[in-house]
């Protein structure tokens, strides 16, 4: 088994591919989403990678659970339950399956993600 190591400086500067705009929410412009999927030897379930969202808003409609570590940026996630969660560089979060709500990105956010 080969361990994949990504130094922080590499993750912050890794070139990402354009994944389009998130689904708009409210009057703010939609965030542009970029990312890079990472394959993990021996793992056939889930999705893993680096993801970034530009300043703006978008609706999260993902059905799977997600673990994420925020590498840079600042935003707020407001769930459909009305609970607002401020998020910033260095935070680690777990979104249970079916978590829906709105991201409000104030400073471009880059994260490492694992979809479960």
PDB file of N, CA and C in Angstrom:
ATOM      1  N   UNK A   1       0.856  -1.178   0.000  1.00  0.00           N
ATOM      2  CA  UNK A   1       0.000   0.000   0.000  1.00  0.00           C
ATOM      3  C   UNK A   1       0.898   1.235   0.000  1.00  0.00           C
ATOM      4  N   UNK A   2       0.604   2.166  -0.888  1.00  0.00           N
ATOM      5  CA  UNK A   2       1.362   3.413  -0.961  1.00  0.00           C
ATOM      6  C   UNK A   2       0.575   4.524  -0.266  1.00  0.00           C
ATOM      7  N   UNK A   3       1.190   5.164   0.673  1.00  0.00           N
ATOM      8  CA  UNK A   3       0.559   6.286   1.365  1.00  0.00           C
ATOM      9  C   UNK A   3       0.737   7.523   0.502  1.00  0.00           C
ATOM     10  N   UNK A   4      -0.356   8.254   0.303  1.00  0.00           N
ATOM     11  CA  UNK A   4      -0.288   9.503  -0.450  1.00  0.00           C
ATOM     12  C   UNK A   4      -0.186  10.647   0.548  1.00  0.00           C
ATOM     13  N   UNK A   5       0.855  11.431   0.420  1.00  0.00           N
ATOM     14  CA  UNK A   5       1.044  12.581   1.304  1.00  0.00           C
ATOM     15  C   UNK A   5       0.939  13.847   0.475  1.00  0.00           C
ATOM     16  N   UNK A   6       0.172  14.804   0.975  1.00  0.00           N
ATOM     17  CA  UNK A   6       0.003  16.093   0.315  1.00  0.00           C
ATOM     18  C   UNK A   6       0.407  17.183   1.307  1.00  0.00           C
ATOM     19  N   UNK A   7       1.603  17.745   1.167  1.00  0.00           N
ATOM     20  CA  UNK A   7       1.991  18.849   2.057  1.00  0.00           C
ATOM     21  C   UNK A   7       0.978  20.000   1.939  1.00  0.00           C
ATOM     22  N   UNK A   8       0.785  20.729   3.033  1.00  0.00           N
ATOM     23  CA  UNK A   8      -0.191  21.822   3.047  1.00  0.00           C
ATOM     24  C   UNK A   8       0.046  22.801   1.910  1.00  0.00           C
ATOM     25  N   UNK A   9       1.300  23.131   1.648  1.00  0.00           N
ATOM     26  CA  UNK A   9       1.594  24.091   0.586  1.00  0.00           C
ATOM     27  C   UNK A   9       1.136  23.564  -0.770  1.00  0.00           C
ATOM     28  N   UNK A  10       1.229  22.255  -0.981  1.00  0.00           N
ATOM     29  CA  UNK A  10       0.777  21.653  -2.238  1.00  0.00           C
ATOM     30  C   UNK A  10      -0.747  21.720  -2.354  1.00  0.00           C
ATOM     31  N   UNK A  11      -1.444  21.431  -1.273  1.00  0.00           N
ATOM     32  CA  UNK A  11      -2.912  21.472  -1.298  1.00  0.00           C
ATOM     33  C   UNK A  11      -3.436  22.879  -1.543  1.00  0.00           C
ATOM     34  N   UNK A  12      -2.750  23.875  -1.001  1.00  0.00           N
ATOM     35  CA  UNK A  12      -3.184  25.257  -1.169  1.00  0.00           C
ATOM     36  C   UNK A  12      -2.918  25.776  -2.575  1.00  0.00           C
ATOM     37  N   UNK A  13      -1.950  25.182  -3.272  1.00  0.00           N
ATOM     38  CA  UNK A  13      -1.571  25.669  -4.600  1.00  0.00           C
ATOM     39  C   UNK A  13      -1.889  24.691  -5.730  1.00  0.00           C
ATOM     40  N   UNK A  14      -2.512  23.570  -5.409  1.00  0.00           N
ATOM     41  CA  UNK A  14      -2.835  22.560  -6.410  1.00  0.00           C
ATOM     42  C   UNK A  14      -3.799  23.136  -7.445  1.00  0.00           C
ATOM     43  N   UNK A  15      -3.468  23.053  -8.748  1.00  0.00           N
ATOM     44  CA  UNK A  15      -4.393  23.553  -9.764  1.00  0.00           C
ATOM     45  C   UNK A  15      -5.675  22.707  -9.772  1.00  0.00           C
ATOM     46  N   UNK A  16      -6.814  23.376  -9.853  1.00  0.00           N
ATOM     47  CA  UNK A  16      -8.109  22.704  -9.827  1.00  0.00           C
ATOM     48  C   UNK A  16      -8.822  22.890 -11.161  1.00  0.00           C
ATOM     49  N   UNK A  17      -9.746  21.990 -11.469  1.00  0.00           N
ATOM     50  CA  UNK A  17     -10.523  22.060 -12.710  1.00  0.00           C
ATOM     51  C   UNK A  17     -11.848  22.761 -12.444  1.00  0.00           C
ATOM     52  N   UNK A  18     -12.335  23.456 -13.459  1.00  0.00           N
ATOM     53  CA  UNK A  18     -13.611  24.170 -13.360  1.00  0.00           C
ATOM     54  C   UNK A  18     -14.749  23.156 -13.301  1.00  0.00           C
ATOM     55  N   UNK A  19     -15.573  23.239 -12.254  1.00  0.00           N
ATOM     56  CA  UNK A  19     -16.728  22.372 -12.106  1.00  0.00           C
ATOM     57  C   UNK A  19     -18.030  23.169 -12.287  1.00  0.00           C
ATOM     58  N   UNK A  20     -17.918  24.415 -12.741  1.00  0.00           N
ATOM     59  CA  UNK A  20     -19.119  25.223 -12.993  1.00  0.00           C
ATOM     60  C   UNK A  20     -19.547  26.034 -11.784  1.00  0.00           C
ATOM     61  N   UNK A  21     -20.758  26.559 -11.845  1.00  0.00           N
ATOM     62  CA  UNK A  21     -21.320  27.346 -10.750  1.00  0.00           C
ATOM     63  C   UNK A  21     -22.204  26.473  -9.875  1.00  0.00           C
ATOM     64  N   UNK A  22     -22.242  26.820  -8.589  1.00  0.00           N
ATOM     65  CA  UNK A  22     -23.185  26.175  -7.698  1.00  0.00           C
ATOM     66  C   UNK A  22     -24.579  26.701  -8.001  1.00  0.00           C
ATOM     67  N   UNK A  23     -25.602  25.995  -7.541  1.00  0.00           N
ATOM     68  CA  UNK A  23     -26.980  26.448  -7.715  1.00  0.00           C
ATOM     69  C   UNK A  23     -27.168  27.733  -6.906  1.00  0.00           C
ATOM     70  N   UNK A  24     -27.564  28.801  -7.590  1.00  0.00           N
ATOM     71  CA  UNK A  24     -27.673  30.124  -6.966  1.00  0.00           C
ATOM     72  C   UNK A  24     -28.681  30.124  -5.815  1.00  0.00           C
ATOM     73  N   UNK A  25     -28.421  31.025  -4.866  1.00  0.00           N
ATOM     74  CA  UNK A  25     -29.318  31.217  -3.735  1.00  0.00           C
ATOM     75  C   UNK A  25     -29.419  32.704  -3.435  1.00  0.00           C
ATOM     76  N   UNK A  26     -30.617  33.252  -3.461  1.00  0.00           N
ATOM     77  CA  UNK A  26     -30.819  34.656  -3.138  1.00  0.00           C
ATOM     78  C   UNK A  26     -30.295  35.570  -4.227  1.00  0.00           C
ATOM     79  N   UNK A  27     -29.984  36.807  -3.844  1.00  0.00           N
ATOM     80  CA  UNK A  27     -29.571  37.810  -4.822  1.00  0.00           C
ATOM     81  C   UNK A  27     -28.054  37.847  -5.045  1.00  0.00           C
ATOM     82  N   UNK A  28     -27.280  37.122  -4.233  1.00  0.00           N
ATOM     83  CA  UNK A  28     -25.828  37.099  -4.411  1.00  0.00           C
ATOM     84  C   UNK A  28     -25.466  36.286  -5.641  1.00  0.00           C
ATOM     85  N   UNK A  29     -24.348  36.625  -6.280  1.00  0.00           N
ATOM     86  CA  UNK A  29     -23.921  35.812  -7.425  1.00  0.00           C
ATOM     87  C   UNK A  29     -23.570  34.404  -6.952  1.00  0.00           C
ATOM     88  N   UNK A  30     -23.774  33.398  -7.823  1.00  0.00           N
ATOM     89  CA  UNK A  30     -23.429  32.035  -7.418  1.00  0.00           C
ATOM     90  C   UNK A  30     -21.919  31.853  -7.365  1.00  0.00           C
ATOM     91  N   UNK A  31     -21.465  31.024  -6.454  1.00  0.00           N
ATOM     92  CA  UNK A  31     -20.045  30.695  -6.353  1.00  0.00           C
ATOM     93  C   UNK A  31     -19.627  29.854  -7.550  1.00  0.00           C
ATOM     94  N   UNK A  32     -18.414  30.076  -8.029  1.00  0.00           N
ATOM     95  CA  UNK A  32     -17.816  29.186  -9.031  1.00  0.00           C
ATOM     96  C   UNK A  32     -17.113  28.086  -8.251  1.00  0.00           C
ATOM     97  N   UNK A  33     -17.344  26.855  -8.673  1.00  0.00           N
ATOM     98  CA  UNK A  33     -16.788  25.698  -7.983  1.00  0.00           C
ATOM     99  C   UNK A  33     -15.669  25.098  -8.838  1.00  0.00           C
ATOM    100  N   UNK A  34     -14.550  24.815  -8.206  1.00  0.00           N
ATOM    101  CA  UNK A  34     -13.446  24.123  -8.860  1.00  0.00           C
ATOM    102  C   UNK A  34     -13.035  22.958  -7.975  1.00  0.00           C
ATOM    103  N   UNK A  35     -12.373  21.974  -8.551  1.00  0.00           N
ATOM    104  CA  UNK A  35     -11.966  20.842  -7.735  1.00  0.00           C
ATOM    105  C   UNK A  35     -11.049  19.884  -8.454  1.00  0.00           C
ATOM    106  N   UNK A  36     -10.594  18.914  -7.707  1.00  0.00           N
ATOM    107  CA  UNK A  36      -9.774  17.834  -8.240  1.00  0.00           C
ATOM    108  C   UNK A  36     -10.074  16.598  -7.417  1.00  0.00           C
ATOM    109  N   UNK A  37     -10.562  15.553  -8.090  1.00  0.00           N
ATOM    110  CA  UNK A  37     -10.791  14.289  -7.397  1.00  0.00           C
ATOM    111  C   UNK A  37      -9.470  13.573  -7.242  1.00  0.00           C
ATOM    112  N   UNK A  38      -9.325  12.883  -6.130  1.00  0.00           N
ATOM    113  CA  UNK A  38      -8.120  12.120  -5.837  1.00  0.00           C
ATOM    114  C   UNK A  38      -8.520  10.661  -5.719  1.00  0.00           C
ATOM    115  N   UNK A  39      -7.810   9.793  -6.415  1.00  0.00           N
ATOM    116  CA  UNK A  39      -8.110   8.366  -6.279  1.00  0.00           C
ATOM    117  C   UNK A  39      -7.256   7.801  -5.149  1.00  0.00           C
ATOM    118  N   UNK A  40      -7.872   6.922  -4.380  1.00  0.00           N
ATOM    119  CA  UNK A  40      -7.205   6.305  -3.247  1.00  0.00           C
ATOM    120  C   UNK A  40      -7.147   4.807  -3.522  1.00  0.00           C
ATOM    121  N   UNK A  41      -5.951   4.281  -3.646  1.00  0.00           N
ATOM    122  CA  UNK A  41      -5.775   2.869  -3.949  1.00  0.00           C
ATOM    123  C   UNK A  41      -6.527   1.992  -2.953  1.00  0.00           C
ATOM    124  N   UNK A  42      -7.293   1.044  -3.470  1.00  0.00           N
ATOM    125  CA  UNK A  42      -8.029   0.110  -2.625  1.00  0.00           C
ATOM    126  C   UNK A  42      -9.385   0.603  -2.166  1.00  0.00           C
ATOM    127  N   UNK A  43      -9.722   1.859  -2.425  1.00  0.00           N
ATOM    128  CA  UNK A  43     -11.020   2.412  -2.022  1.00  0.00           C
ATOM    129  C   UNK A  43     -11.926   2.501  -3.250  1.00  0.00           C
ATOM    130  N   UNK A  44     -13.036   1.814  -3.185  1.00  0.00           N
ATOM    131  CA  UNK A  44     -13.957   1.829  -4.323  1.00  0.00           C
ATOM    132  C   UNK A  44     -15.225   2.614  -4.023  1.00  0.00           C
ATOM    133  N   UNK A  45     -15.488   2.886  -2.769  1.00  0.00           N
ATOM    134  CA  UNK A  45     -16.686   3.648  -2.401  1.00  0.00           C
ATOM    135  C   UNK A  45     -16.285   5.063  -2.014  1.00  0.00           C
ATOM    136  N   UNK A  46     -17.199   5.996  -2.191  1.00  0.00           N
ATOM    137  CA  UNK A  46     -16.946   7.377  -1.794  1.00  0.00           C
ATOM    138  C   UNK A  46     -16.233   8.163  -2.869  1.00  0.00           C
ATOM    139  N   UNK A  47     -15.982   9.404  -2.559  1.00  0.00           N
ATOM    140  CA  UNK A  47     -15.306  10.324  -3.463  1.00  0.00           C
ATOM    141  C   UNK A  47     -14.409  11.189  -2.595  1.00  0.00           C
ATOM    142  N   UNK A  48     -13.212  11.500  -3.080  1.00  0.00           N
ATOM    143  CA  UNK A  48     -12.223  12.208  -2.285  1.00  0.00           C
ATOM    144  C   UNK A  48     -11.571  13.275  -3.138  1.00  0.00           C
ATOM    145  N   UNK A  49     -11.181  14.375  -2.530  1.00  0.00           N
ATOM    146  CA  UNK A  49     -10.471  15.364  -3.312  1.00  0.00           C
ATOM    147  C   UNK A  49     -10.324  16.711  -2.639  1.00  0.00           C
ATOM    148  N   UNK A  50      -9.994  17.685  -3.494  1.00  0.00           N
ATOM    149  CA  UNK A  50      -9.820  19.074  -3.097  1.00  0.00           C
ATOM    150  C   UNK A  50     -10.909  19.856  -3.813  1.00  0.00           C
ATOM    151  N   UNK A  51     -11.485  20.826  -3.158  1.00  0.00           N
ATOM    152  CA  UNK A  51     -12.629  21.570  -3.675  1.00  0.00           C
ATOM    153  C   UNK A  51     -12.458  23.027  -3.282  1.00  0.00           C
ATOM    154  N   UNK A  52     -12.891  23.934  -4.150  1.00  0.00           N
ATOM    155  CA  UNK A  52     -12.821  25.360  -3.838  1.00  0.00           C
ATOM    156  C   UNK A  52     -14.072  26.050  -4.353  1.00  0.00           C
ATOM    157  N   UNK A  53     -14.550  27.034  -3.605  1.00  0.00           N
ATOM    158  CA  UNK A  53     -15.690  27.859  -4.009  1.00  0.00           C
ATOM    159  C   UNK A  53     -15.291  29.322  -3.913  1.00  0.00           C
ATOM    160  N   UNK A  54     -15.640  30.086  -4.957  1.00  0.00           N
ATOM    161  CA  UNK A  54     -15.360  31.522  -4.960  1.00  0.00           C
ATOM    162  C   UNK A  54     -16.387  32.250  -4.089  1.00  0.00           C
ATOM    163  N   UNK A  55     -16.150  33.533  -3.884  1.00  0.00           N
ATOM    164  CA  UNK A  55     -17.081  34.354  -3.116  1.00  0.00           C
ATOM    165  C   UNK A  55     -18.452  34.300  -3.785  1.00  0.00           C
ATOM    166  N   UNK A  56     -19.503  34.197  -2.978  1.00  0.00           N
ATOM    167  CA  UNK A  56     -20.871  34.116  -3.480  1.00  0.00           C
ATOM    168  C   UNK A  56     -21.668  33.135  -2.634  1.00  0.00           C
ATOM    169  N   UNK A  57     -22.773  32.669  -3.169  1.00  0.00           N
ATOM    170  CA  UNK A  57     -23.618  31.717  -2.454  1.00  0.00           C
ATOM    171  C   UNK A  57     -23.975  30.548  -3.364  1.00  0.00           C
ATOM    172  N   UNK A  58     -24.348  29.449  -2.757  1.00  0.00           N
ATOM    173  CA  UNK A  58     -24.894  28.320  -3.507  1.00  0.00           C
ATOM    174  C   UNK A  58     -25.611  27.376  -2.553  1.00  0.00           C
ATOM    175  N   UNK A  59     -26.498  26.603  -3.133  1.00  0.00           N
ATOM    176  CA  UNK A  59     -27.318  25.669  -2.369  1.00  0.00           C
ATOM    177  C   UNK A  59     -26.613  24.316  -2.316  1.00  0.00           C
ATOM    178  N   UNK A  60     -26.537  23.728  -1.129  1.00  0.00           N
ATOM    179  CA  UNK A  60     -25.993  22.367  -0.973  1.00  0.00           C
ATOM    180  C   UNK A  60     -27.151  21.397  -1.000  1.00  0.00           C
ATOM    181  N   UNK A  61     -27.100  20.479  -1.950  1.00  0.00           N
ATOM    182  CA  UNK A  61     -28.171  19.488  -2.098  1.00  0.00           C
ATOM    183  C   UNK A  61     -27.611  18.073  -2.155  1.00  0.00           C
ATOM    184  N   UNK A  62     -26.503  17.844  -1.482  1.00  0.00           N
ATOM    185  CA  UNK A  62     -25.822  16.556  -1.529  1.00  0.00           C
ATOM    186  C   UNK A  62     -26.514  15.581  -0.580  1.00  0.00           C
ATOM    187  N   UNK A  63     -26.774  14.369  -1.069  1.00  0.00           N
ATOM    188  CA  UNK A  63     -27.450  13.354  -0.249  1.00  0.00           C
ATOM    189  C   UNK A  63     -26.490  12.560   0.632  1.00  0.00           C
ATOM    190  N   UNK A  64     -25.216  12.476   0.221  1.00  0.00           N
ATOM    191  CA  UNK A  64     -24.265  11.677   0.987  1.00  0.00           C
ATOM    192  C   UNK A  64     -23.711  12.466   2.171  1.00  0.00           C
ATOM    193  N   UNK A  65     -23.137  11.755   3.118  1.00  0.00           N
ATOM    194  CA  UNK A  65     -22.430  12.405   4.213  1.00  0.00           C
ATOM    195  C   UNK A  65     -21.102  12.930   3.703  1.00  0.00           C
ATOM    196  N   UNK A  66     -20.551  13.888   4.415  1.00  0.00           N
ATOM    197  CA  UNK A  66     -19.286  14.470   3.972  1.00  0.00           C
ATOM    198  C   UNK A  66     -18.440  14.876   5.173  1.00  0.00           C
ATOM    199  N   UNK A  67     -17.166  14.475   5.130  1.00  0.00           N
ATOM    200  CA  UNK A  67     -16.161  14.941   6.075  1.00  0.00           C
ATOM    201  C   UNK A  67     -15.322  15.962   5.315  1.00  0.00           C
ATOM    202  N   UNK A  68     -15.001  17.094   5.937  1.00  0.00           N
ATOM    203  CA  UNK A  68     -14.181  18.102   5.262  1.00  0.00           C
ATOM    204  C   UNK A  68     -13.257  18.797   6.249  1.00  0.00           C
ATOM    205  N   UNK A  69     -12.118  19.216   5.718  1.00  0.00           N
ATOM    206  CA  UNK A  69     -11.182  20.039   6.477  1.00  0.00           C
ATOM    207  C   UNK A  69     -10.935  21.295   5.646  1.00  0.00           C
ATOM    208  N   UNK A  70     -11.173  22.455   6.237  1.00  0.00           N
ATOM    209  CA  UNK A  70     -11.047  23.727   5.536  1.00  0.00           C
ATOM    210  C   UNK A  70      -9.583  24.169   5.553  1.00  0.00           C
ATOM    211  N   UNK A  71      -9.022  24.304   4.351  1.00  0.00           N
ATOM    212  CA  UNK A  71      -7.626  24.704   4.214  1.00  0.00           C
ATOM    213  C   UNK A  71      -7.459  26.216   4.239  1.00  0.00           C
ATOM    214  N   UNK A  72      -8.422  26.920   3.636  1.00  0.00           N
ATOM    215  CA  UNK A  72      -8.340  28.387   3.589  1.00  0.00           C
ATOM    216  C   UNK A  72      -9.731  28.950   3.355  1.00  0.00           C
ATOM    217  N   UNK A  73      -9.895  30.225   3.725  1.00  0.00           N
ATOM    218  CA  UNK A  73     -11.137  30.938   3.453  1.00  0.00           C
ATOM    219  C   UNK A  73     -12.073  31.042   4.635  1.00  0.00           C
ATOM    220  N   UNK A  74     -13.215  31.706   4.348  1.00  0.00           N
ATOM    221  CA  UNK A  74     -14.266  31.911   5.353  1.00  0.00           C
ATOM    222  C   UNK A  74     -15.622  31.865   4.698  1.00  0.00           C
ATOM    223  N   UNK A  75     -16.577  31.271   5.406  1.00  0.00           N
ATOM    224  CA  UNK A  75     -17.944  31.202   4.904  1.00  0.00           C
ATOM    225  C   UNK A  75     -18.885  30.916   6.063  1.00  0.00           C
ATOM    226  N   UNK A  76     -20.157  30.859   5.728  1.00  0.00           N
ATOM    227  CA  UNK A  76     -21.187  30.461   6.673  1.00  0.00           C
ATOM    228  C   UNK A  76     -22.073  29.448   5.971  1.00  0.00           C
ATOM    229  N   UNK A  77     -22.439  28.401   6.678  1.00  0.00           N
ATOM    230  CA  UNK A  77     -23.406  27.451   6.152  1.00  0.00           C
ATOM    231  C   UNK A  77     -24.659  27.561   7.005  1.00  0.00           C
ATOM    232  N   UNK A  78     -25.793  27.796   6.357  1.00  0.00           N
ATOM    233  CA  UNK A  78     -27.075  27.844   7.056  1.00  0.00           C
ATOM    234  C   UNK A  78     -27.896  26.657   6.594  1.00  0.00           C
ATOM    235  N   UNK A  79     -28.122  25.732   7.500  1.00  0.00           N
ATOM    236  CA  UNK A  79     -28.894  24.533   7.179  1.00  0.00           C
ATOM    237  C   UNK A  79     -30.367  24.848   7.004  1.00  0.00           C
ATOM    238  N   UNK A  80     -31.080  23.926   6.370  1.00  0.00           N
ATOM    239  CA  UNK A  80     -32.526  24.085   6.200  1.00  0.00           C
ATOM    240  C   UNK A  80     -33.246  24.184   7.540  1.00  0.00           C
ATOM    241  N   UNK A  81     -32.570  23.767   8.626  1.00  0.00           N
ATOM    242  CA  UNK A  81     -33.143  23.882   9.967  1.00  0.00           C
ATOM    243  C   UNK A  81     -32.964  25.284  10.548  1.00  0.00           C
ATOM    244  N   UNK A  82     -32.294  26.188   9.793  1.00  0.00           N
ATOM    245  CA  UNK A  82     -32.095  27.571  10.235  1.00  0.00           C
ATOM    246  C   UNK A  82     -30.850  27.792  11.070  1.00  0.00           C
ATOM    247  N   UNK A  83     -30.128  26.724  11.403  1.00  0.00           N
ATOM    248  CA  UNK A  83     -28.917  26.865  12.215  1.00  0.00           C
ATOM    249  C   UNK A  83     -27.773  27.340  11.325  1.00  0.00           C
ATOM    250  N   UNK A  84     -27.130  28.439  11.755  1.00  0.00           N
ATOM    251  CA  UNK A  84     -26.028  29.039  11.005  1.00  0.00           C
ATOM    252  C   UNK A  84     -24.704  28.601  11.620  1.00  0.00           C
ATOM    253  N   UNK A  85     -23.806  28.091  10.780  1.00  0.00           N
ATOM    254  CA  UNK A  85     -22.511  27.610  11.247  1.00  0.00           C
ATOM    255  C   UNK A  85     -21.409  28.425  10.573  1.00  0.00           C
ATOM    256  N   UNK A  86     -20.688  29.264  11.336  1.00  0.00           N
ATOM    257  CA  UNK A  86     -19.545  29.975  10.754  1.00  0.00           C
ATOM    258  C   UNK A  86     -18.400  28.984  10.539  1.00  0.00           C
ATOM    259  N   UNK A  87     -17.737  29.096   9.390  1.00  0.00           N
ATOM    260  CA  UNK A  87     -16.666  28.168   9.027  1.00  0.00           C
ATOM    261  C   UNK A  87     -15.462  28.980   8.574  1.00  0.00           C
ATOM    262  N   UNK A  88     -14.269  28.570   9.023  1.00  0.00           N
ATOM    263  CA  UNK A  88     -13.054  29.281   8.623  1.00  0.00           C
ATOM    264  C   UNK A  88     -11.881  28.313   8.515  1.00  0.00           C
ATOM    265  N   UNK A  89     -10.809  28.805   7.953  1.00  0.00           N
ATOM    266  CA  UNK A  89      -9.584  28.039   7.770  1.00  0.00           C
ATOM    267  C   UNK A  89      -9.219  27.291   9.050  1.00  0.00           C
ATOM    268  N   UNK A  90      -8.898  26.017   8.911  1.00  0.00           N
ATOM    269  CA  UNK A  90      -8.506  25.187  10.055  1.00  0.00           C
ATOM    270  C   UNK A  90      -9.632  24.369  10.640  1.00  0.00           C
ATOM    271  N   UNK A  91     -10.894  24.691  10.316  1.00  0.00           N
ATOM    272  CA  UNK A  91     -12.033  23.944  10.854  1.00  0.00           C
ATOM    273  C   UNK A  91     -12.164  22.589  10.163  1.00  0.00           C
ATOM    274  N   UNK A  92     -12.626  21.610  10.918  1.00  0.00           N
ATOM    275  CA  UNK A  92     -12.943  20.288  10.397  1.00  0.00           C
ATOM    276  C   UNK A  92     -14.409  20.030  10.701  1.00  0.00           C
ATOM    277  N   UNK A  93     -15.156  19.569   9.684  1.00  0.00           N
ATOM    278  CA  UNK A  93     -16.599  19.395   9.838  1.00  0.00           C
ATOM    279  C   UNK A  93     -17.057  18.050   9.290  1.00  0.00           C
ATOM    280  N   UNK A  94     -18.168  17.562   9.816  1.00  0.00           N
ATOM    281  CA  UNK A  94     -18.851  16.404   9.263  1.00  0.00           C
ATOM    282  C   UNK A  94     -20.295  16.806   8.994  1.00  0.00           C
ATOM    283  N   UNK A  95     -20.719  16.672   7.738  1.00  0.00           N
ATOM    284  CA  UNK A  95     -22.113  16.923   7.358  1.00  0.00           C
ATOM    285  C   UNK A  95     -22.799  15.563   7.256  1.00  0.00           C
ATOM    286  N   UNK A  96     -23.813  15.291   8.084  1.00  0.00           N
ATOM    287  CA  UNK A  96     -24.520  14.020   7.978  1.00  0.00           C
ATOM    288  C   UNK A  96     -25.201  13.881   6.608  1.00  0.00           C
ATOM    289  N   UNK A  97     -25.481  12.638   6.193  1.00  0.00           N
ATOM    290  CA  UNK A  97     -26.198  12.448   4.932  1.00  0.00           C
ATOM    291  C   UNK A  97     -27.480  13.274   4.900  1.00  0.00           C
ATOM    292  N   UNK A  98     -27.767  13.848   3.739  1.00  0.00           N
ATOM    293  CA  UNK A  98     -28.991  14.621   3.557  1.00  0.00           C
ATOM    294  C   UNK A  98     -28.925  16.057   4.046  1.00  0.00           C
ATOM    295  N   UNK A  99     -27.747  16.525   4.526  1.00  0.00           N
ATOM    296  CA  UNK A  99     -27.629  17.905   4.995  1.00  0.00           C
ATOM    297  C   UNK A  99     -27.846  18.849   3.817  1.00  0.00           C
ATOM    298  N   UNK A 100     -28.814  19.724   3.959  1.00  0.00           N
ATOM    299  CA  UNK A 100     -29.122  20.692   2.904  1.00  0.00           C
ATOM    300  C   UNK A 100     -29.101  22.090   3.505  1.00  0.00           C
ATOM    301  N   UNK A 101     -28.807  23.074   2.670  1.00  0.00           N
ATOM    302  CA  UNK A 101     -28.760  24.443   3.142  1.00  0.00           C
ATOM    303  C   UNK A 101     -28.032  25.324   2.151  1.00  0.00           C
ATOM    304  N   UNK A 102     -27.584  26.483   2.634  1.00  0.00           N
ATOM    305  CA  UNK A 102     -26.951  27.481   1.762  1.00  0.00           C
ATOM    306  C   UNK A 102     -25.567  27.845   2.293  1.00  0.00           C
ATOM    307  N   UNK A 103     -24.583  27.778   1.392  1.00  0.00           N
ATOM    308  CA  UNK A 103     -23.236  28.270   1.664  1.00  0.00           C
ATOM    309  C   UNK A 103     -23.199  29.752   1.291  1.00  0.00           C
ATOM    310  N   UNK A 104     -22.632  30.582   2.166  1.00  0.00           N
ATOM    311  CA  UNK A 104     -22.352  31.984   1.868  1.00  0.00           C
ATOM    312  C   UNK A 104     -20.849  32.170   2.029  1.00  0.00           C
ATOM    313  N   UNK A 105     -20.161  32.243   0.904  1.00  0.00           N
ATOM    314  CA  UNK A 105     -18.696  32.309   0.907  1.00  0.00           C
ATOM    315  C   UNK A 105     -18.271  33.770   0.872  1.00  0.00           C
ATOM    316  N   UNK A 106     -17.577  34.221   1.929  1.00  0.00           N
ATOM    317  CA  UNK A 106     -17.120  35.610   1.993  1.00  0.00           C
ATOM    318  C   UNK A 106     -15.676  35.750   1.509  1.00  0.00           C
ATOM    319  N   UNK A 107     -14.864  34.720   1.736  1.00  0.00           N
ATOM    320  CA  UNK A 107     -13.487  34.643   1.240  1.00  0.00           C
ATOM    321  C   UNK A 107     -13.358  33.262   0.607  1.00  0.00           C
ATOM    322  N   UNK A 108     -12.834  33.159  -0.626  1.00  0.00           N
ATOM    323  CA  UNK A 108     -12.791  31.853  -1.282  1.00  0.00           C
ATOM    324  C   UNK A 108     -12.351  30.733  -0.337  1.00  0.00           C
ATOM    325  N   UNK A 109     -13.120  29.642  -0.368  1.00  0.00           N
ATOM    326  CA  UNK A 109     -12.915  28.511   0.531  1.00  0.00           C
ATOM    327  C   UNK A 109     -12.312  27.344  -0.243  1.00  0.00           C
ATOM    328  N   UNK A 110     -11.248  26.778   0.304  1.00  0.00           N
ATOM    329  CA  UNK A 110     -10.649  25.556  -0.261  1.00  0.00           C
ATOM    330  C   UNK A 110     -10.681  24.508   0.839  1.00  0.00           C
ATOM    331  N   UNK A 111     -11.109  23.303   0.479  1.00  0.00           N
ATOM    332  CA  UNK A 111     -11.214  22.239   1.471  1.00  0.00           C
ATOM    333  C   UNK A 111     -10.746  20.908   0.897  1.00  0.00           C
ATOM    334  N   UNK A 112     -10.384  20.003   1.791  1.00  0.00           N
ATOM    335  CA  UNK A 112     -10.186  18.600   1.483  1.00  0.00           C
ATOM    336  C   UNK A 112     -11.506  17.940   1.853  1.00  0.00           C
ATOM    337  N   UNK A 113     -12.036  17.091   0.991  1.00  0.00           N
ATOM    338  CA  UNK A 113     -13.322  16.458   1.293  1.00  0.00           C
ATOM    339  C   UNK A 113     -13.266  14.945   1.099  1.00  0.00           C
ATOM    340  N   UNK A 114     -14.097  14.265   1.859  1.00  0.00           N
ATOM    341  CA  UNK A 114     -14.337  12.835   1.708  1.00  0.00           C
ATOM    342  C   UNK A 114     -15.849  12.655   1.752  1.00  0.00           C
ATOM    343  N   UNK A 115     -16.424  12.200   0.632  1.00  0.00           N
ATOM    344  CA  UNK A 115     -17.857  11.914   0.586  1.00  0.00           C
ATOM    345  C   UNK A 115     -18.054  10.488   1.068  1.00  0.00           C
ATOM    346  N   UNK A 116     -19.001  10.306   1.970  1.00  0.00           N
ATOM    347  CA  UNK A 116     -19.219   8.982   2.602  1.00  0.00           C
ATOM    348  C   UNK A 116     -20.528   8.374   2.143  1.00  0.00           C
TER     349      UNK A 116
END
